[in-house]
PDB file of N, CA and C in Angstrom:
ATOM      1  N   MET A   1       4.324  -5.269 -36.396  1.00  0.00           N
ATOM      2  CA  MET A   1       4.467  -4.261 -37.437  1.00  0.00           C
ATOM      3  C   MET A   1       5.374  -4.811 -38.533  1.00  0.00           C
ATOM      4  N   ASN A   2       4.788  -5.351 -39.562  1.00  0.00           N
ATOM      5  CA  ASN A   2       5.545  -5.901 -40.674  1.00  0.00           C
ATOM      6  C   ASN A   2       5.340  -5.012 -41.902  1.00  0.00           C
ATOM      7  N   ASP A   3       6.263  -4.103 -42.108  1.00  0.00           N
ATOM      8  CA  ASP A   3       6.157  -3.199 -43.254  1.00  0.00           C
ATOM      9  C   ASP A   3       7.165  -3.569 -44.340  1.00  0.00           C
ATOM     10  N   ARG A   4       7.500  -4.853 -44.376  1.00  0.00           N
ATOM     11  CA  ARG A   4       8.465  -5.347 -45.352  1.00  0.00           C
ATOM     12  C   ARG A   4       7.869  -5.309 -46.752  1.00  0.00           C
ATOM     13  N   VAL A   5       8.643  -4.818 -47.700  1.00  0.00           N
ATOM     14  CA  VAL A   5       8.207  -4.728 -49.094  1.00  0.00           C
ATOM     15  C   VAL A   5       8.328  -6.105 -49.744  1.00  0.00           C
ATOM     16  N   THR A   6       7.278  -6.522 -50.439  1.00  0.00           N
ATOM     17  CA  THR A   6       7.291  -7.752 -51.216  1.00  0.00           C
ATOM     18  C   THR A   6       6.856  -7.395 -52.630  1.00  0.00           C
ATOM     19  N   LEU A   7       7.733  -7.637 -53.572  1.00  0.00           N
ATOM     20  CA  LEU A   7       7.459  -7.264 -54.960  1.00  0.00           C
ATOM     21  C   LEU A   7       6.816  -8.419 -55.720  1.00  0.00           C
ATOM     22  N   SER A   8       5.790  -8.101 -56.466  1.00  0.00           N
ATOM     23  CA  SER A   8       5.139  -9.128 -57.282  1.00  0.00           C
ATOM     24  C   SER A   8       5.639  -9.085 -58.726  1.00  0.00           C
ATOM     25  N   HIS A   9       6.206  -7.945 -59.121  1.00  0.00           N
ATOM     26  CA  HIS A   9       6.681  -7.808 -60.497  1.00  0.00           C
ATOM     27  C   HIS A   9       8.054  -7.149 -60.485  1.00  0.00           C
ATOM     28  N   VAL A  10       9.023  -7.812 -61.090  1.00  0.00           N
ATOM     29  CA  VAL A  10      10.393  -7.313 -61.148  1.00  0.00           C
ATOM     30  C   VAL A  10      10.937  -7.573 -62.547  1.00  0.00           C
ATOM     31  N   TYR A  11      11.667  -6.595 -63.083  1.00  0.00           N
ATOM     32  CA  TYR A  11      12.369  -6.793 -64.351  1.00  0.00           C
ATOM     33  C   TYR A  11      13.787  -7.257 -64.042  1.00  0.00           C
ATOM     34  N   TYR A  12      14.313  -8.154 -64.878  1.00  0.00           N
ATOM     35  CA  TYR A  12      15.660  -8.662 -64.690  1.00  0.00           C
ATOM     36  C   TYR A  12      16.499  -8.381 -65.929  1.00  0.00           C
ATOM     37  N   GLU A  13      17.749  -8.037 -65.688  1.00  0.00           N
ATOM     38  CA  GLU A  13      18.724  -7.902 -66.768  1.00  0.00           C
ATOM     39  C   GLU A  13      19.915  -8.761 -66.365  1.00  0.00           C
ATOM     40  N   MET A  14      20.349  -9.644 -67.261  1.00  0.00           N
ATOM     41  CA  MET A  14      21.441 -10.555 -66.948  1.00  0.00           C
ATOM     42  C   MET A  14      22.560 -10.425 -67.963  1.00  0.00           C
ATOM     43  N   ARG A  15      23.785 -10.482 -67.440  1.00  0.00           N
ATOM     44  CA  ARG A  15      24.967 -10.435 -68.302  1.00  0.00           C
ATOM     45  C   ARG A  15      25.968 -11.471 -67.825  1.00  0.00           C
ATOM     46  N   VAL A  16      26.584 -12.136 -68.771  1.00  0.00           N
ATOM     47  CA  VAL A  16      27.602 -13.131 -68.469  1.00  0.00           C
ATOM     48  C   VAL A  16      28.969 -12.492 -68.643  1.00  0.00           C
ATOM     49  N   TYR A  17      29.814 -12.663 -67.636  1.00  0.00           N
ATOM     50  CA  TYR A  17      31.193 -12.193 -67.670  1.00  0.00           C
ATOM     51  C   TYR A  17      32.083 -13.396 -67.377  1.00  0.00           C
ATOM     52  N   GLY A  18      32.520 -14.065 -68.430  1.00  0.00           N
ATOM     53  CA  GLY A  18      33.329 -15.262 -68.240  1.00  0.00           C
ATOM     54  C   GLY A  18      32.522 -16.349 -67.562  1.00  0.00           C
ATOM     55  N   LYS A  19      32.961 -16.752 -66.371  1.00  0.00           N
ATOM     56  CA  LYS A  19      32.241 -17.801 -65.631  1.00  0.00           C
ATOM     57  C   LYS A  19      31.290 -17.208 -64.588  1.00  0.00           C
ATOM     58  N   TYR A  20      31.058 -15.892 -64.653  1.00  0.00           N
ATOM     59  CA  TYR A  20      30.177 -15.216 -63.708  1.00  0.00           C
ATOM     60  C   TYR A  20      28.917 -14.698 -64.393  1.00  0.00           C
ATOM     61  N   LEU A  21      27.844 -14.616 -63.617  1.00  0.00           N
ATOM     62  CA  LEU A  21      26.589 -14.060 -64.096  1.00  0.00           C
ATOM     63  C   LEU A  21      26.221 -12.896 -63.189  1.00  0.00           C
ATOM     64  N   ARG A  22      25.932 -11.747 -63.786  1.00  0.00           N
ATOM     65  CA  ARG A  22      25.498 -10.573 -63.041  1.00  0.00           C
ATOM     66  C   ARG A  22      24.026 -10.352 -63.348  1.00  0.00           C
ATOM     67  N   VAL A  23      23.213 -10.301 -62.295  1.00  0.00           N
ATOM     68  CA  VAL A  23      21.772 -10.125 -62.442  1.00  0.00           C
ATOM     69  C   VAL A  23      21.365  -8.807 -61.791  1.00  0.00           C
ATOM     70  N   HIS A  24      20.680  -7.977 -62.550  1.00  0.00           N
ATOM     71  CA  HIS A  24      20.119  -6.730 -62.038  1.00  0.00           C
ATOM     72  C   HIS A  24      18.622  -6.933 -61.891  1.00  0.00           C
ATOM     73  N   ALA A  25      18.083  -6.625 -60.717  1.00  0.00           N
ATOM     74  CA  ALA A  25      16.643  -6.661 -60.473  1.00  0.00           C
ATOM     75  C   ALA A  25      16.164  -5.219 -60.416  1.00  0.00           C
ATOM     76  N   ILE A  26      15.110  -4.899 -61.169  1.00  0.00           N
ATOM     77  CA  ILE A  26      14.624  -3.525 -61.281  1.00  0.00           C
ATOM     78  C   ILE A  26      13.147  -3.476 -60.927  1.00  0.00           C
ATOM     79  N   ASP A  27      12.812  -2.570 -60.001  1.00  0.00           N
ATOM     80  CA  ASP A  27      11.414  -2.342 -59.633  1.00  0.00           C
ATOM     81  C   ASP A  27      10.817  -1.395 -60.660  1.00  0.00           C
ATOM     82  N   PRO A  28       9.793  -1.814 -61.400  1.00  0.00           N
ATOM     83  CA  PRO A  28       9.233  -0.967 -62.458  1.00  0.00           C
ATOM     84  C   PRO A  28       8.535   0.291 -61.928  1.00  0.00           C
ATOM     85  N   ASP A  29       8.080   0.277 -60.685  1.00  0.00           N
ATOM     86  CA  ASP A  29       7.373   1.431 -60.135  1.00  0.00           C
ATOM     87  C   ASP A  29       8.320   2.543 -59.695  1.00  0.00           C
ATOM     88  N   SER A  30       9.385   2.170 -58.973  1.00  0.00           N
ATOM     89  CA  SER A  30      10.294   3.182 -58.439  1.00  0.00           C
ATOM     90  C   SER A  30      11.540   3.381 -59.291  1.00  0.00           C
ATOM     91  N   GLY A  31      11.863   2.396 -60.118  1.00  0.00           N
ATOM     92  CA  GLY A  31      13.084   2.472 -60.907  1.00  0.00           C
ATOM     93  C   GLY A  31      14.319   2.070 -60.108  1.00  0.00           C
ATOM     94  N   GLN A  32      14.128   1.687 -58.847  1.00  0.00           N
ATOM     95  CA  GLN A  32      15.238   1.264 -57.995  1.00  0.00           C
ATOM     96  C   GLN A  32      15.807  -0.040 -58.529  1.00  0.00           C
ATOM     97  N   GLU A  33      17.116  -0.211 -58.372  1.00  0.00           N
ATOM     98  CA  GLU A  33      17.800  -1.368 -58.930  1.00  0.00           C
ATOM     99  C   GLU A  33      18.720  -1.987 -57.884  1.00  0.00           C
ATOM    100  N   ALA A  34      18.853  -3.307 -57.924  1.00  0.00           N
ATOM    101  CA  ALA A  34      19.791  -4.039 -57.070  1.00  0.00           C
ATOM    102  C   ALA A  34      20.484  -5.080 -57.938  1.00  0.00           C
ATOM    103  N   MET A  35      21.698  -5.459 -57.538  1.00  0.00           N
ATOM    104  CA  MET A  35      22.493  -6.364 -58.347  1.00  0.00           C
ATOM    105  C   MET A  35      23.010  -7.520 -57.505  1.00  0.00           C
ATOM    106  N   ALA A  36      23.059  -8.697 -58.114  1.00  0.00           N
ATOM    107  CA  ALA A  36      23.674  -9.875 -57.496  1.00  0.00           C
ATOM    108  C   ALA A  36      24.603 -10.500 -58.522  1.00  0.00           C
ATOM    109  N   THR A  37      25.753 -10.940 -58.065  1.00  0.00           N
ATOM    110  CA  THR A  37      26.735 -11.566 -58.944  1.00  0.00           C
ATOM    111  C   THR A  37      27.152 -12.897 -58.350  1.00  0.00           C
ATOM    112  N   GLY A  38      27.339 -13.884 -59.215  1.00  0.00           N
ATOM    113  CA  GLY A  38      27.786 -15.194 -58.746  1.00  0.00           C
ATOM    114  C   GLY A  38      28.250 -16.047 -59.904  1.00  0.00           C
ATOM    115  N   LEU A  39      28.716 -17.217 -59.570  1.00  0.00           N
ATOM    116  CA  LEU A  39      29.165 -18.151 -60.587  1.00  0.00           C
ATOM    117  C   LEU A  39      27.984 -18.656 -61.398  1.00  0.00           C
ATOM    118  N   LEU A  40      28.224 -18.911 -62.673  1.00  0.00           N
ATOM    119  CA  LEU A  40      27.173 -19.480 -63.527  1.00  0.00           C
ATOM    120  C   LEU A  40      26.641 -20.785 -62.951  1.00  0.00           C
ATOM    121  N   SER A  41      27.506 -21.533 -62.284  1.00  0.00           N
ATOM    122  CA  SER A  41      27.095 -22.828 -61.732  1.00  0.00           C
ATOM    123  C   SER A  41      26.076 -22.683 -60.598  1.00  0.00           C
ATOM    124  N   MET A  42      25.938 -21.486 -60.021  1.00  0.00           N
ATOM    125  CA  MET A  42      24.940 -21.264 -58.967  1.00  0.00           C
ATOM    126  C   MET A  42      23.530 -21.334 -59.528  1.00  0.00           C
ATOM    127  N   GLY A  43      23.394 -21.044 -60.799  1.00  0.00           N
ATOM    128  CA  GLY A  43      22.094 -21.108 -61.450  1.00  0.00           C
ATOM    129  C   GLY A  43      21.432 -19.740 -61.543  1.00  0.00           C
ATOM    130  N   GLU A  44      20.739 -19.536 -62.633  1.00  0.00           N
ATOM    131  CA  GLU A  44      20.054 -18.280 -62.908  1.00  0.00           C
ATOM    132  C   GLU A  44      18.974 -17.985 -61.870  1.00  0.00           C
ATOM    133  N   ALA A  45      18.201 -18.996 -61.501  1.00  0.00           N
ATOM    134  CA  ALA A  45      17.097 -18.800 -60.552  1.00  0.00           C
ATOM    135  C   ALA A  45      17.611 -18.336 -59.191  1.00  0.00           C
ATOM    136  N   THR A  46      18.700 -18.905 -58.723  1.00  0.00           N
ATOM    137  CA  THR A  46      19.268 -18.522 -57.430  1.00  0.00           C
ATOM    138  C   THR A  46      19.726 -17.072 -57.448  1.00  0.00           C
ATOM    139  N   LEU A  47      20.403 -16.674 -58.504  1.00  0.00           N
ATOM    140  CA  LEU A  47      20.901 -15.304 -58.589  1.00  0.00           C
ATOM    141  C   LEU A  47      19.765 -14.300 -58.776  1.00  0.00           C
ATOM    142  N   LYS A  48      18.723 -14.689 -59.506  1.00  0.00           N
ATOM    143  CA  LYS A  48      17.550 -13.819 -59.635  1.00  0.00           C
ATOM    144  C   LYS A  48      16.891 -13.619 -58.278  1.00  0.00           C
ATOM    145  N   ASN A  49      16.757 -14.697 -57.522  1.00  0.00           N
ATOM    146  CA  ASN A  49      16.151 -14.616 -56.202  1.00  0.00           C
ATOM    147  C   ASN A  49      16.984 -13.727 -55.279  1.00  0.00           C
ATOM    148  N   ASN A  50      18.309 -13.873 -55.322  1.00  0.00           N
ATOM    149  CA  ASN A  50      19.189 -13.046 -54.494  1.00  0.00           C
ATOM    150  C   ASN A  50      19.044 -11.569 -54.840  1.00  0.00           C
ATOM    151  N   ALA A  51      18.996 -11.254 -56.134  1.00  0.00           N
ATOM    152  CA  ALA A  51      18.855  -9.860 -56.559  1.00  0.00           C
ATOM    153  C   ALA A  51      17.498  -9.296 -56.142  1.00  0.00           C
ATOM    154  N   LYS A  52      16.444 -10.100 -56.272  1.00  0.00           N
ATOM    155  CA  LYS A  52      15.106  -9.642 -55.882  1.00  0.00           C
ATOM    156  C   LYS A  52      15.029  -9.394 -54.383  1.00  0.00           C
ATOM    157  N   ARG A  53      15.586 -10.301 -53.581  1.00  0.00           N
ATOM    158  CA  ARG A  53      15.573 -10.126 -52.131  1.00  0.00           C
ATOM    159  C   ARG A  53      16.365  -8.888 -51.716  1.00  0.00           C
ATOM    160  N   LYS A  54      17.470  -8.638 -52.396  1.00  0.00           N
ATOM    161  CA  LYS A  54      18.269  -7.452 -52.110  1.00  0.00           C
ATOM    162  C   LYS A  54      17.483  -6.186 -52.451  1.00  0.00           C
ATOM    163  N   LEU A  55      16.774  -6.208 -53.568  1.00  0.00           N
ATOM    164  CA  LEU A  55      15.944  -5.071 -53.971  1.00  0.00           C
ATOM    165  C   LEU A  55      14.833  -4.828 -52.949  1.00  0.00           C
ATOM    166  N   GLU A  56      14.184  -5.892 -52.505  1.00  0.00           N
ATOM    167  CA  GLU A  56      13.133  -5.752 -51.486  1.00  0.00           C
ATOM    168  C   GLU A  56      13.702  -5.176 -50.190  1.00  0.00           C
ATOM    169  N   TYR A  57      14.902  -5.591 -49.822  1.00  0.00           N
ATOM    170  CA  TYR A  57      15.553  -5.061 -48.630  1.00  0.00           C
ATOM    171  C   TYR A  57      15.808  -3.560 -48.769  1.00  0.00           C
ATOM    172  N   ILE A  58      16.321  -3.151 -49.909  1.00  0.00           N
ATOM    173  CA  ILE A  58      16.605  -1.731 -50.156  1.00  0.00           C
ATOM    174  C   ILE A  58      15.323  -0.907 -50.083  1.00  0.00           C
ATOM    175  N   LEU A  59      14.271  -1.387 -50.726  1.00  0.00           N
ATOM    176  CA  LEU A  59      13.000  -0.654 -50.722  1.00  0.00           C
ATOM    177  C   LEU A  59      12.392  -0.600 -49.318  1.00  0.00           C
ATOM    178  N   THR A  60      12.509  -1.683 -48.555  1.00  0.00           N
ATOM    179  CA  THR A  60      12.009  -1.698 -47.182  1.00  0.00           C
ATOM    180  C   THR A  60      12.771  -0.697 -46.327  1.00  0.00           C
ATOM    181  N   LYS A  61      14.074  -0.678 -46.489  1.00  0.00           N
ATOM    182  CA  LYS A  61      14.909   0.248 -45.726  1.00  0.00           C
ATOM    183  C   LYS A  61      14.555   1.698 -46.047  1.00  0.00           C
ATOM    184  N   LYS A  62      14.370   1.998 -47.324  1.00  0.00           N
ATOM    185  CA  LYS A  62      13.998   3.353 -47.718  1.00  0.00           C
ATOM    186  C   LYS A  62      12.636   3.738 -47.167  1.00  0.00           C
ATOM    187  N   ARG A  63      11.704   2.803 -47.161  1.00  0.00           N
ATOM    188  CA  ARG A  63      10.354   3.070 -46.640  1.00  0.00           C
ATOM    189  C   ARG A  63      10.423   3.381 -45.145  1.00  0.00           C
ATOM    190  N   ARG A  64      11.209   2.581 -44.400  1.00  0.00           N
ATOM    191  CA  ARG A  64      11.343   2.798 -42.961  1.00  0.00           C
ATOM    192  C   ARG A  64      12.017   4.133 -42.654  1.00  0.00           C
ATOM    193  N   GLU A  65      13.024   4.501 -43.433  1.00  0.00           N
ATOM    194  CA  GLU A  65      13.707   5.783 -43.231  1.00  0.00           C
ATOM    195  C   GLU A  65      12.774   6.951 -43.524  1.00  0.00           C
ATOM    196  N   GLY A  66      11.869   6.757 -44.460  1.00  0.00           N
ATOM    197  CA  GLY A  66      10.926   7.801 -44.816  1.00  0.00           C
ATOM    198  C   GLY A  66       9.906   8.065 -43.734  1.00  0.00           C
ATOM    199  N   ARG A  67       9.617   7.061 -42.909  1.00  0.00           N
ATOM    200  CA  ARG A  67       8.627   7.210 -41.827  1.00  0.00           C
ATOM    201  C   ARG A  67       9.191   7.951 -40.623  1.00  0.00           C
ATOM    202  N   SER A  68      10.505   7.850 -40.432  1.00  0.00           N
ATOM    203  CA  SER A  68      11.114   8.455 -39.234  1.00  0.00           C
ATOM    204  C   SER A  68      11.107   9.946 -39.284  1.00  0.00           C
TER     205      SER A  68
END
């Protein structure tokens, strides 16, 4: 039983705060949002991936709670 959410389309919003980058991943269908923060040296792609995975986790958790 694999009911894990996998998103094919995600909107990203990024802001730089000094030497840190904050990335918000937004699901366009539900409007749910997740955030990842890290050093700029970690790279934009890594932080985007972290935010997307966190968003997928949140949506999966909500889906599972809805079934119970």
